[in-house]
């Protein structure tokens, strides 16, 4: 239970920091903030609901969504680096 609270604080803090830093560093951090908001919501649902969201089909759904977020962030970053040269 303690570790769940630590993770909730971690994901919320990282999301808030990305939103704060996006004004200076770039709009890609808004997408990263969305990813951290997703991680926060998934962990919160895991704590609240009696279902294990990190097992079975829910784990596959979680990994697909996380992979999609990270792939989009990576593609945008690569395109940004190519155009900034």
Protein backbone atom coordinates (compact mmCIF):
# COMPACT_ATOMS: atom_id res chain seq x y z
CA UNK A 1 0.00 0.00 0.00
CA UNK A 2 2.82 2.41 0.84
CA UNK A 3 4.54 1.79 -2.49
CA UNK A 4 1.28 2.44 -4.35
CA UNK A 5 1.08 5.87 -2.74
CA UNK A 6 4.72 6.55 -3.65
CA UNK A 7 3.99 5.66 -7.28
CA UNK A 8 0.90 7.87 -7.33
CA UNK A 9 2.92 10.81 -6.03
CA UNK A 10 5.71 10.05 -8.51
CA UNK A 11 3.47 9.95 -11.58
CA UNK A 12 1.53 13.06 -10.53
CA UNK A 13 4.74 14.95 -9.80
CA UNK A 14 6.36 14.02 -13.09
CA UNK A 15 3.23 15.00 -15.01
CA UNK A 16 3.03 18.37 -13.28
CA UNK A 17 6.73 18.98 -13.89
CA UNK A 18 6.33 18.17 -17.60
CA UNK A 19 3.46 20.64 -17.92
CA UNK A 20 5.51 23.28 -16.11
CA UNK A 21 8.63 22.64 -18.22
CA UNK A 22 6.79 22.45 -21.54
CA UNK A 23 6.62 26.23 -21.72
CA UNK A 24 10.42 26.45 -21.82
CA UNK A 25 11.55 23.18 -23.36
CA UNK A 26 8.93 22.32 -25.95
CA UNK A 27 5.47 21.02 -26.60
CA UNK A 28 6.58 17.38 -26.65
CA UNK A 29 6.48 17.49 -22.88
CA UNK A 30 2.70 17.89 -23.02
CA UNK A 31 2.54 14.42 -24.55
CA UNK A 32 4.90 13.14 -21.85
CA UNK A 33 2.61 14.75 -19.27
CA UNK A 34 -0.29 12.85 -20.83
CA UNK A 35 1.70 9.64 -20.48
CA UNK A 36 2.35 10.34 -16.80
CA UNK A 37 -1.32 11.20 -16.30
CA UNK A 38 -2.18 7.82 -17.84
CA UNK A 39 0.28 6.08 -15.51
CA UNK A 40 -1.23 7.94 -12.54
CA UNK A 41 -4.77 6.97 -13.54
CA UNK A 42 -3.87 3.33 -14.14
CA UNK A 43 -2.14 3.04 -10.77
CA UNK A 44 -5.03 4.82 -9.04
CA UNK A 45 -7.52 2.39 -10.61
CA UNK A 46 -5.27 -0.49 -9.54
CA UNK A 47 -5.41 0.74 -5.94
CA UNK A 48 -9.15 1.48 -5.89
CA UNK A 49 -10.58 -1.44 -7.88
CA UNK A 50 -10.49 -5.03 -6.62
CA UNK A 51 -9.11 -6.15 -10.01
CA UNK A 52 -5.39 -6.74 -10.58
CA UNK A 53 -4.69 -4.39 -13.49
CA UNK A 54 -1.14 -5.67 -13.90
CA UNK A 55 -2.14 -9.23 -14.79
CA UNK A 56 -3.80 -10.95 -17.73
CA UNK A 57 -5.52 -8.98 -20.48
CA UNK A 58 -5.33 -5.75 -18.47
CA UNK A 59 -1.54 -5.97 -18.49
CA UNK A 60 -1.56 -6.40 -22.27
CA UNK A 61 -3.81 -3.35 -22.66
CA UNK A 62 -1.56 -1.37 -20.32
CA UNK A 63 1.57 -2.29 -22.25
CA UNK A 64 0.00 -1.48 -25.63
CA UNK A 65 -1.10 1.97 -24.45
CA UNK A 66 2.27 2.67 -22.81
CA UNK A 67 4.13 1.51 -25.95
CA UNK A 68 1.95 3.75 -28.13
CA UNK A 69 2.62 6.79 -25.95
CA UNK A 70 6.37 6.17 -25.90
CA UNK A 71 6.53 5.44 -29.64
CA UNK A 72 4.71 8.71 -30.43
CA UNK A 73 7.06 10.64 -28.16
CA UNK A 74 10.10 9.01 -29.79
CA UNK A 75 8.86 9.70 -33.33
CA UNK A 76 8.12 13.34 -32.54
CA UNK A 77 11.53 13.72 -30.91
CA UNK A 78 13.34 12.22 -33.92
CA UNK A 79 11.40 14.45 -36.33
CA UNK A 80 12.18 17.48 -34.19
CA UNK A 81 15.91 16.69 -34.17
CA UNK A 82 15.94 16.22 -37.96
CA UNK A 83 14.24 19.55 -38.60
CA UNK A 84 16.38 21.47 -36.11
CA UNK A 85 19.63 20.67 -37.97
